[in-house]
Amino acid sequence: MNGIPPLVQLVSYGSIEAQESAARALWHLASSNEAKEAIAESGGIGPLVGMLSVEDERSQEIATVTISRLEDSPSDEARFPV
């Protein structure tokens, strides 16, 4: 999971195109629970939420689906029982 922190940095500070590409990569990686935890631990949620407020609709959509995939985590259920 060493590639996740650089992707989070791109989502945080990259151009719109770089942010979109990095968010897409995070979306693909987030199919793994281990990667979901690594994304959260690397501070990836805040920058993805920040993408929701940009003017570019495609960026907003990519951030939305990535966040959605991250929230489907069994470890969240263990930490936040309903």
PDB file of N, CA and C in Angstrom:
ATOM      1  N   MET A   1       0.811  -1.193   0.000  1.00  0.00           N
ATOM      2  CA  MET A   1       0.000   0.000   0.000  1.00  0.00           C
ATOM      3  C   MET A   1       0.865   1.273   0.000  1.00  0.00           C
ATOM      4  N   ASN A   2       2.102   1.140  -0.410  1.00  0.00           N
ATOM      5  CA  ASN A   2       3.003   2.292  -0.437  1.00  0.00           C
ATOM      6  C   ASN A   2       2.621   3.322  -1.485  1.00  0.00           C
ATOM      7  N   GLY A   3       1.814   2.947  -2.464  1.00  0.00           N
ATOM      8  CA  GLY A   3       1.416   3.885  -3.507  1.00  0.00           C
ATOM      9  C   GLY A   3       0.278   4.792  -3.110  1.00  0.00           C
ATOM     10  N   ILE A   4      -0.377   4.509  -1.999  1.00  0.00           N
ATOM     11  CA  ILE A   4      -1.537   5.305  -1.612  1.00  0.00           C
ATOM     12  C   ILE A   4      -1.161   6.725  -1.167  1.00  0.00           C
ATOM     13  N   PRO A   5      -0.161   6.926  -0.312  1.00  0.00           N
ATOM     14  CA  PRO A   5       0.160   8.304   0.081  1.00  0.00           C
ATOM     15  C   PRO A   5       0.461   9.245  -1.096  1.00  0.00           C
ATOM     16  N   PRO A   6       1.207   8.815  -2.120  1.00  0.00           N
ATOM     17  CA  PRO A   6       1.410   9.722  -3.255  1.00  0.00           C
ATOM     18  C   PRO A   6       0.109  10.043  -4.001  1.00  0.00           C
ATOM     19  N   LEU A   7      -0.794   9.070  -4.070  1.00  0.00           N
ATOM     20  CA  LEU A   7      -2.090   9.341  -4.709  1.00  0.00           C
ATOM     21  C   LEU A   7      -2.888  10.351  -3.907  1.00  0.00           C
ATOM     22  N   VAL A   8      -2.847  10.216  -2.586  1.00  0.00           N
ATOM     23  CA  VAL A   8      -3.541  11.184  -1.724  1.00  0.00           C
ATOM     24  C   VAL A   8      -2.942  12.575  -1.921  1.00  0.00           C
ATOM     25  N   GLN A   9      -1.624  12.649  -2.062  1.00  0.00           N
ATOM     26  CA  GLN A   9      -0.977  13.944  -2.313  1.00  0.00           C
ATOM     27  C   GLN A   9      -1.458  14.553  -3.628  1.00  0.00           C
ATOM     28  N   LEU A  10      -1.614  13.725  -4.657  1.00  0.00           N
ATOM     29  CA  LEU A  10      -2.117  14.235  -5.936  1.00  0.00           C
ATOM     30  C   LEU A  10      -3.549  14.726  -5.817  1.00  0.00           C
ATOM     31  N   VAL A  11      -4.369  13.999  -5.072  1.00  0.00           N
ATOM     32  CA  VAL A  11      -5.748  14.453  -4.865  1.00  0.00           C
ATOM     33  C   VAL A  11      -5.743  15.770  -4.105  1.00  0.00           C
ATOM     34  N   SER A  12      -4.790  15.942  -3.205  1.00  0.00           N
ATOM     35  CA  SER A  12      -4.720  17.152  -2.377  1.00  0.00           C
ATOM     36  C   SER A  12      -4.187  18.358  -3.133  1.00  0.00           C
ATOM     37  N   TYR A  13      -3.141  18.161  -3.932  1.00  0.00           N
ATOM     38  CA  TYR A  13      -2.406  19.304  -4.472  1.00  0.00           C
ATOM     39  C   TYR A  13      -2.229  19.309  -5.979  1.00  0.00           C
ATOM     40  N   GLY A  14      -2.708  18.288  -6.659  1.00  0.00           N
ATOM     41  CA  GLY A  14      -2.502  18.200  -8.096  1.00  0.00           C
ATOM     42  C   GLY A  14      -3.467  19.062  -8.889  1.00  0.00           C
ATOM     43  N   SER A  15      -3.233  19.121 -10.179  1.00  0.00           N
ATOM     44  CA  SER A  15      -4.169  19.796 -11.079  1.00  0.00           C
ATOM     45  C   SER A  15      -5.480  19.014 -11.079  1.00  0.00           C
ATOM     46  N   ILE A  16      -6.520  19.581 -11.654  1.00  0.00           N
ATOM     47  CA  ILE A  16      -7.814  18.890 -11.721  1.00  0.00           C
ATOM     48  C   ILE A  16      -7.649  17.516 -12.378  1.00  0.00           C
ATOM     49  N   GLU A  17      -6.885  17.475 -13.466  1.00  0.00           N
ATOM     50  CA  GLU A  17      -6.683  16.206 -14.167  1.00  0.00           C
ATOM     51  C   GLU A  17      -5.953  15.199 -13.282  1.00  0.00           C
ATOM     52  N   ALA A  18      -4.944  15.658 -12.562  1.00  0.00           N
ATOM     53  CA  ALA A  18      -4.196  14.776 -11.667  1.00  0.00           C
ATOM     54  C   ALA A  18      -5.083  14.308 -10.512  1.00  0.00           C
ATOM     55  N   GLN A  19      -5.898  15.213  -9.987  1.00  0.00           N
ATOM     56  CA  GLN A  19      -6.810  14.837  -8.909  1.00  0.00           C
ATOM     57  C   GLN A  19      -7.779  13.754  -9.370  1.00  0.00           C
ATOM     58  N   GLU A  20      -8.334  13.939 -10.565  1.00  0.00           N
ATOM     59  CA  GLU A  20      -9.282  12.955 -11.096  1.00  0.00           C
ATOM     60  C   GLU A  20      -8.609  11.598 -11.282  1.00  0.00           C
ATOM     61  N   SER A  21      -7.427  11.601 -11.860  1.00  0.00           N
ATOM     62  CA  SER A  21      -6.711  10.341 -12.091  1.00  0.00           C
ATOM     63  C   SER A  21      -6.370   9.647 -10.778  1.00  0.00           C
ATOM     64  N   ALA A  22      -5.907  10.408  -9.820  1.00  0.00           N
ATOM     65  CA  ALA A  22      -5.554   9.834  -8.523  1.00  0.00           C
ATOM     66  C   ALA A  22      -6.799   9.315  -7.803  1.00  0.00           C
ATOM     67  N   ALA A  23      -7.893  10.064  -7.876  1.00  0.00           N
ATOM     68  CA  ALA A  23      -9.135   9.622  -7.239  1.00  0.00           C
ATOM     69  C   ALA A  23      -9.644   8.340  -7.899  1.00  0.00           C
ATOM     70  N   ARG A  24      -9.524   8.248  -9.211  1.00  0.00           N
ATOM     71  CA  ARG A  24      -9.921   7.009  -9.908  1.00  0.00           C
ATOM     72  C   ARG A  24      -9.066   5.827  -9.433  1.00  0.00           C
ATOM     73  N   ALA A  25      -7.779   6.061  -9.289  1.00  0.00           N
ATOM     74  CA  ALA A  25      -6.888   4.998  -8.812  1.00  0.00           C
ATOM     75  C   ALA A  25      -7.285   4.581  -7.395  1.00  0.00           C
ATOM     76  N   LEU A  26      -7.588   5.561  -6.548  1.00  0.00           N
ATOM     77  CA  LEU A  26      -8.016   5.243  -5.183  1.00  0.00           C
ATOM     78  C   LEU A  26      -9.327   4.463  -5.202  1.00  0.00           C
ATOM     79  N   TRP A  27     -10.215   4.824  -6.125  1.00  0.00           N
ATOM     80  CA  TRP A  27     -11.483   4.103  -6.245  1.00  0.00           C
ATOM     81  C   TRP A  27     -11.222   2.634  -6.552  1.00  0.00           C
ATOM     82  N   HIS A  28     -10.338   2.379  -7.500  1.00  0.00           N
ATOM     83  CA  HIS A  28     -10.029   0.993  -7.858  1.00  0.00           C
ATOM     84  C   HIS A  28      -9.374   0.259  -6.688  1.00  0.00           C
ATOM     85  N   LEU A  29      -8.461   0.925  -6.017  1.00  0.00           N
ATOM     86  CA  LEU A  29      -7.787   0.299  -4.879  1.00  0.00           C
ATOM     87  C   LEU A  29      -8.749   0.017  -3.727  1.00  0.00           C
ATOM     88  N   ALA A  30      -9.772   0.845  -3.593  1.00  0.00           N
ATOM     89  CA  ALA A  30     -10.695   0.733  -2.461  1.00  0.00           C
ATOM     90  C   ALA A  30     -11.604  -0.488  -2.550  1.00  0.00           C
ATOM     91  N   SER A  31     -11.379  -1.346  -3.517  1.00  0.00           N
ATOM     92  CA  SER A  31     -12.118  -2.612  -3.534  1.00  0.00           C
ATOM     93  C   SER A  31     -11.562  -3.554  -2.466  1.00  0.00           C
ATOM     94  N   SER A  32     -10.402  -3.217  -1.928  1.00  0.00           N
ATOM     95  CA  SER A  32      -9.761  -4.010  -0.874  1.00  0.00           C
ATOM     96  C   SER A  32      -9.933  -3.312   0.473  1.00  0.00           C
ATOM     97  N   ASN A  33     -10.342  -4.056   1.484  1.00  0.00           N
ATOM     98  CA  ASN A  33     -10.495  -3.469   2.818  1.00  0.00           C
ATOM     99  C   ASN A  33      -9.176  -2.933   3.356  1.00  0.00           C
ATOM    100  N   GLU A  34      -8.088  -3.618   3.051  1.00  0.00           N
ATOM    101  CA  GLU A  34      -6.766  -3.147   3.485  1.00  0.00           C
ATOM    102  C   GLU A  34      -6.458  -1.780   2.871  1.00  0.00           C
ATOM    103  N   ALA A  35      -6.789  -1.620   1.598  1.00  0.00           N
ATOM    104  CA  ALA A  35      -6.548  -0.342   0.934  1.00  0.00           C
ATOM    105  C   ALA A  35      -7.465   0.751   1.481  1.00  0.00           C
ATOM    106  N   LYS A  36      -8.702   0.400   1.791  1.00  0.00           N
ATOM    107  CA  LYS A  36      -9.623   1.385   2.377  1.00  0.00           C
ATOM    108  C   LYS A  36      -9.028   1.969   3.655  1.00  0.00           C
ATOM    109  N   GLU A  37      -8.520   1.085   4.494  1.00  0.00           N
ATOM    110  CA  GLU A  37      -7.916   1.553   5.740  1.00  0.00           C
ATOM    111  C   GLU A  37      -6.680   2.393   5.473  1.00  0.00           C
ATOM    112  N   ALA A  38      -5.871   1.989   4.502  1.00  0.00           N
ATOM    113  CA  ALA A  38      -4.663   2.741   4.173  1.00  0.00           C
ATOM    114  C   ALA A  38      -5.012   4.121   3.619  1.00  0.00           C
ATOM    115  N   ILE A  39      -6.066   4.209   2.826  1.00  0.00           N
ATOM    116  CA  ILE A  39      -6.502   5.505   2.284  1.00  0.00           C
ATOM    117  C   ILE A  39      -6.933   6.413   3.427  1.00  0.00           C
ATOM    118  N   ALA A  40      -7.730   5.884   4.339  1.00  0.00           N
ATOM    119  CA  ALA A  40      -8.176   6.682   5.484  1.00  0.00           C
ATOM    120  C   ALA A  40      -6.999   7.102   6.356  1.00  0.00           C
ATOM    121  N   GLU A  41      -6.087   6.164   6.633  1.00  0.00           N
ATOM    122  CA  GLU A  41      -4.929   6.470   7.479  1.00  0.00           C
ATOM    123  C   GLU A  41      -3.978   7.461   6.824  1.00  0.00           C
ATOM    124  N   SER A  42      -4.000   7.526   5.489  1.00  0.00           N
ATOM    125  CA  SER A  42      -3.133   8.463   4.759  1.00  0.00           C
ATOM    126  C   SER A  42      -3.783   9.839   4.606  1.00  0.00           C
ATOM    127  N   GLY A  43      -4.955  10.011   5.192  1.00  0.00           N
ATOM    128  CA  GLY A  43      -5.636  11.300   5.115  1.00  0.00           C
ATOM    129  C   GLY A  43      -6.363  11.523   3.801  1.00  0.00           C
ATOM    130  N   GLY A  44      -6.764  10.453   3.137  1.00  0.00           N
ATOM    131  CA  GLY A  44      -7.376  10.571   1.822  1.00  0.00           C
ATOM    132  C   GLY A  44      -8.813  11.045   1.793  1.00  0.00           C
ATOM    133  N   ILE A  45      -9.521  10.929   2.890  1.00  0.00           N
ATOM    134  CA  ILE A  45     -10.941  11.287   2.880  1.00  0.00           C
ATOM    135  C   ILE A  45     -11.133  12.803   2.733  1.00  0.00           C
ATOM    136  N   GLY A  46     -10.394  13.587   3.465  1.00  0.00           N
ATOM    137  CA  GLY A  46     -10.539  15.045   3.398  1.00  0.00           C
ATOM    138  C   GLY A  46     -10.345  15.609   1.999  1.00  0.00           C
ATOM    139  N   PRO A  47      -9.273  15.242   1.302  1.00  0.00           N
ATOM    140  CA  PRO A  47      -9.094  15.750  -0.057  1.00  0.00           C
ATOM    141  C   PRO A  47     -10.192  15.304  -1.018  1.00  0.00           C
ATOM    142  N   LEU A  48     -10.695  14.078  -0.834  1.00  0.00           N
ATOM    143  CA  LEU A  48     -11.800  13.628  -1.681  1.00  0.00           C
ATOM    144  C   LEU A  48     -13.055  14.449  -1.406  1.00  0.00           C
ATOM    145  N   VAL A  49     -13.313  14.734  -0.154  1.00  0.00           N
ATOM    146  CA  VAL A  49     -14.457  15.587   0.195  1.00  0.00           C
ATOM    147  C   VAL A  49     -14.259  16.975  -0.411  1.00  0.00           C
ATOM    148  N   GLY A  50     -13.029  17.470  -0.397  1.00  0.00           N
ATOM    149  CA  GLY A  50     -12.729  18.766  -1.003  1.00  0.00           C
ATOM    150  C   GLY A  50     -13.039  18.796  -2.490  1.00  0.00           C
ATOM    151  N   MET A  51     -12.862  17.661  -3.164  1.00  0.00           N
ATOM    152  CA  MET A  51     -13.170  17.596  -4.595  1.00  0.00           C
ATOM    153  C   MET A  51     -14.661  17.793  -4.858  1.00  0.00           C
ATOM    154  N   LEU A  52     -15.489  17.565  -3.867  1.00  0.00           N
ATOM    155  CA  LEU A  52     -16.934  17.727  -4.057  1.00  0.00           C
ATOM    156  C   LEU A  52     -17.325  19.181  -4.286  1.00  0.00           C
ATOM    157  N   SER A  53     -16.463  20.119  -3.902  1.00  0.00           N
ATOM    158  CA  SER A  53     -16.807  21.533  -4.022  1.00  0.00           C
ATOM    159  C   SER A  53     -16.162  22.224  -5.223  1.00  0.00           C
ATOM    160  N   VAL A  54     -15.448  21.472  -6.055  1.00  0.00           N
ATOM    161  CA  VAL A  54     -14.878  22.086  -7.250  1.00  0.00           C
ATOM    162  C   VAL A  54     -15.976  22.276  -8.291  1.00  0.00           C
ATOM    163  N   GLU A  55     -15.740  23.157  -9.254  1.00  0.00           N
ATOM    164  CA  GLU A  55     -16.763  23.445 -10.250  1.00  0.00           C
ATOM    165  C   GLU A  55     -16.921  22.346 -11.288  1.00  0.00           C
ATOM    166  N   ASP A  56     -15.905  21.535 -11.477  1.00  0.00           N
ATOM    167  CA  ASP A  56     -15.924  20.498 -12.498  1.00  0.00           C
ATOM    168  C   ASP A  56     -16.808  19.323 -12.043  1.00  0.00           C
ATOM    169  N   GLU A  57     -17.896  19.074 -12.779  1.00  0.00           N
ATOM    170  CA  GLU A  57     -18.834  18.020 -12.392  1.00  0.00           C
ATOM    171  C   GLU A  57     -18.210  16.631 -12.442  1.00  0.00           C
ATOM    172  N   ARG A  58     -17.346  16.382 -13.405  1.00  0.00           N
ATOM    173  CA  ARG A  58     -16.709  15.075 -13.501  1.00  0.00           C
ATOM    174  C   ARG A  58     -15.870  14.805 -12.247  1.00  0.00           C
ATOM    175  N   SER A  59     -15.154  15.816 -11.782  1.00  0.00           N
ATOM    176  CA  SER A  59     -14.366  15.660 -10.554  1.00  0.00           C
ATOM    177  C   SER A  59     -15.268  15.339  -9.371  1.00  0.00           C
ATOM    178  N   GLN A  60     -16.394  16.016  -9.292  1.00  0.00           N
ATOM    179  CA  GLN A  60     -17.345  15.762  -8.209  1.00  0.00           C
ATOM    180  C   GLN A  60     -17.859  14.326  -8.266  1.00  0.00           C
ATOM    181  N   GLU A  61     -18.166  13.855  -9.466  1.00  0.00           N
ATOM    182  CA  GLU A  61     -18.667  12.489  -9.619  1.00  0.00           C
ATOM    183  C   GLU A  61     -17.622  11.454  -9.218  1.00  0.00           C
ATOM    184  N   ILE A  62     -16.389  11.677  -9.639  1.00  0.00           N
ATOM    185  CA  ILE A  62     -15.318  10.731  -9.301  1.00  0.00           C
ATOM    186  C   ILE A  62     -15.114  10.697  -7.788  1.00  0.00           C
ATOM    187  N   ALA A  63     -15.116  11.868  -7.166  1.00  0.00           N
ATOM    188  CA  ALA A  63     -14.959  11.924  -5.709  1.00  0.00           C
ATOM    189  C   ALA A  63     -16.125  11.224  -5.017  1.00  0.00           C
ATOM    190  N   THR A  64     -17.328  11.424  -5.530  1.00  0.00           N
ATOM    191  CA  THR A  64     -18.520  10.817  -4.927  1.00  0.00           C
ATOM    192  C   THR A  64     -18.447   9.301  -4.959  1.00  0.00           C
ATOM    193  N   VAL A  65     -18.112   8.737  -6.115  1.00  0.00           N
ATOM    194  CA  VAL A  65     -18.067   7.262  -6.195  1.00  0.00           C
ATOM    195  C   VAL A  65     -16.912   6.697  -5.372  1.00  0.00           C
ATOM    196  N   THR A  66     -15.817   7.445  -5.282  1.00  0.00           N
ATOM    197  CA  THR A  66     -14.685   6.976  -4.475  1.00  0.00           C
ATOM    198  C   THR A  66     -15.057   6.980  -2.998  1.00  0.00           C
ATOM    199  N   ILE A  67     -15.659   8.056  -2.539  1.00  0.00           N
ATOM    200  CA  ILE A  67     -16.091   8.137  -1.136  1.00  0.00           C
ATOM    201  C   ILE A  67     -17.118   7.047  -0.843  1.00  0.00           C
ATOM    202  N   SER A  68     -18.012   6.830  -1.786  1.00  0.00           N
ATOM    203  CA  SER A  68     -19.031   5.796  -1.618  1.00  0.00           C
ATOM    204  C   SER A  68     -18.393   4.424  -1.436  1.00  0.00           C
ATOM    205  N   ARG A  69     -17.392   4.134  -2.226  1.00  0.00           N
ATOM    206  CA  ARG A  69     -16.715   2.839  -2.099  1.00  0.00           C
ATOM    207  C   ARG A  69     -15.986   2.748  -0.761  1.00  0.00           C
ATOM    208  N   LEU A  70     -15.416   3.841  -0.306  1.00  0.00           N
ATOM    209  CA  LEU A  70     -14.699   3.833   0.967  1.00  0.00           C
ATOM    210  C   LEU A  70     -15.632   3.600   2.145  1.00  0.00           C
ATOM    211  N   GLU A  71     -16.851   4.079   2.040  1.00  0.00           N
ATOM    212  CA  GLU A  71     -17.754   3.939   3.179  1.00  0.00           C
ATOM    213  C   GLU A  71     -18.318   2.534   3.313  1.00  0.00           C
ATOM    214  N   ASP A  72     -18.181   1.713   2.302  1.00  0.00           N
ATOM    215  CA  ASP A  72     -18.650   0.334   2.357  1.00  0.00           C
ATOM    216  C   ASP A  72     -17.592  -0.563   2.971  1.00  0.00           C
ATOM    217  N   SER A  73     -17.202  -0.258   4.185  1.00  0.00           N
ATOM    218  CA  SER A  73     -16.115  -0.990   4.823  1.00  0.00           C
ATOM    219  C   SER A  73     -16.613  -1.766   6.033  1.00  0.00           C
ATOM    220  N   PRO A  74     -16.352  -3.077   6.082  1.00  0.00           N
ATOM    221  CA  PRO A  74     -16.733  -3.856   7.264  1.00  0.00           C
ATOM    222  C   PRO A  74     -16.088  -3.327   8.540  1.00  0.00           C
ATOM    223  N   SER A  75     -14.898  -2.749   8.422  1.00  0.00           N
ATOM    224  CA  SER A  75     -14.253  -2.237   9.636  1.00  0.00           C
ATOM    225  C   SER A  75     -15.021  -1.048  10.201  1.00  0.00           C
ATOM    226  N   ASP A  76     -15.715  -0.276   9.336  1.00  0.00           N
ATOM    227  CA  ASP A  76     -16.552   0.815   9.824  1.00  0.00           C
ATOM    228  C   ASP A  76     -17.694   0.272  10.656  1.00  0.00           C
ATOM    229  N   GLU A  77     -18.267  -0.850  10.213  1.00  0.00           N
ATOM    230  CA  GLU A  77     -19.355  -1.455  10.967  1.00  0.00           C
ATOM    231  C   GLU A  77     -18.881  -1.896  12.343  1.00  0.00           C
ATOM    232  N   ALA A  78     -17.671  -2.363  12.435  1.00  0.00           N
ATOM    233  CA  ALA A  78     -17.126  -2.789  13.716  1.00  0.00           C
ATOM    234  C   ALA A  78     -16.888  -1.585  14.620  1.00  0.00           C
ATOM    235  N   ARG A  79     -16.449  -0.466  14.037  1.00  0.00           N
ATOM    236  CA  ARG A  79     -16.160   0.721  14.837  1.00  0.00           C
ATOM    237  C   ARG A  79     -17.405   1.507  15.165  1.00  0.00           C
ATOM    238  N   PHE A  80     -18.407   1.471  14.259  1.00  0.00           N
ATOM    239  CA  PHE A  80     -19.615   2.264  14.417  1.00  0.00           C
ATOM    240  C   PHE A  80     -20.850   1.359  14.306  1.00  0.00           C
ATOM    241  N   PRO A  81     -21.093   0.505  15.285  1.00  0.00           N
ATOM    242  CA  PRO A  81     -22.234  -0.405  15.172  1.00  0.00           C
ATOM    243  C   PRO A  81     -23.549   0.371  15.126  1.00  0.00           C
ATOM    244  N   VAL A  82     -24.478  -0.174  14.387  1.00  0.00           N
ATOM    245  CA  VAL A  82     -25.787   0.491  14.220  1.00  0.00           C
ATOM    246  C   VAL A  82     -26.724  -0.024  15.281  1.00  0.00           C
TER     247      VAL A  82
END
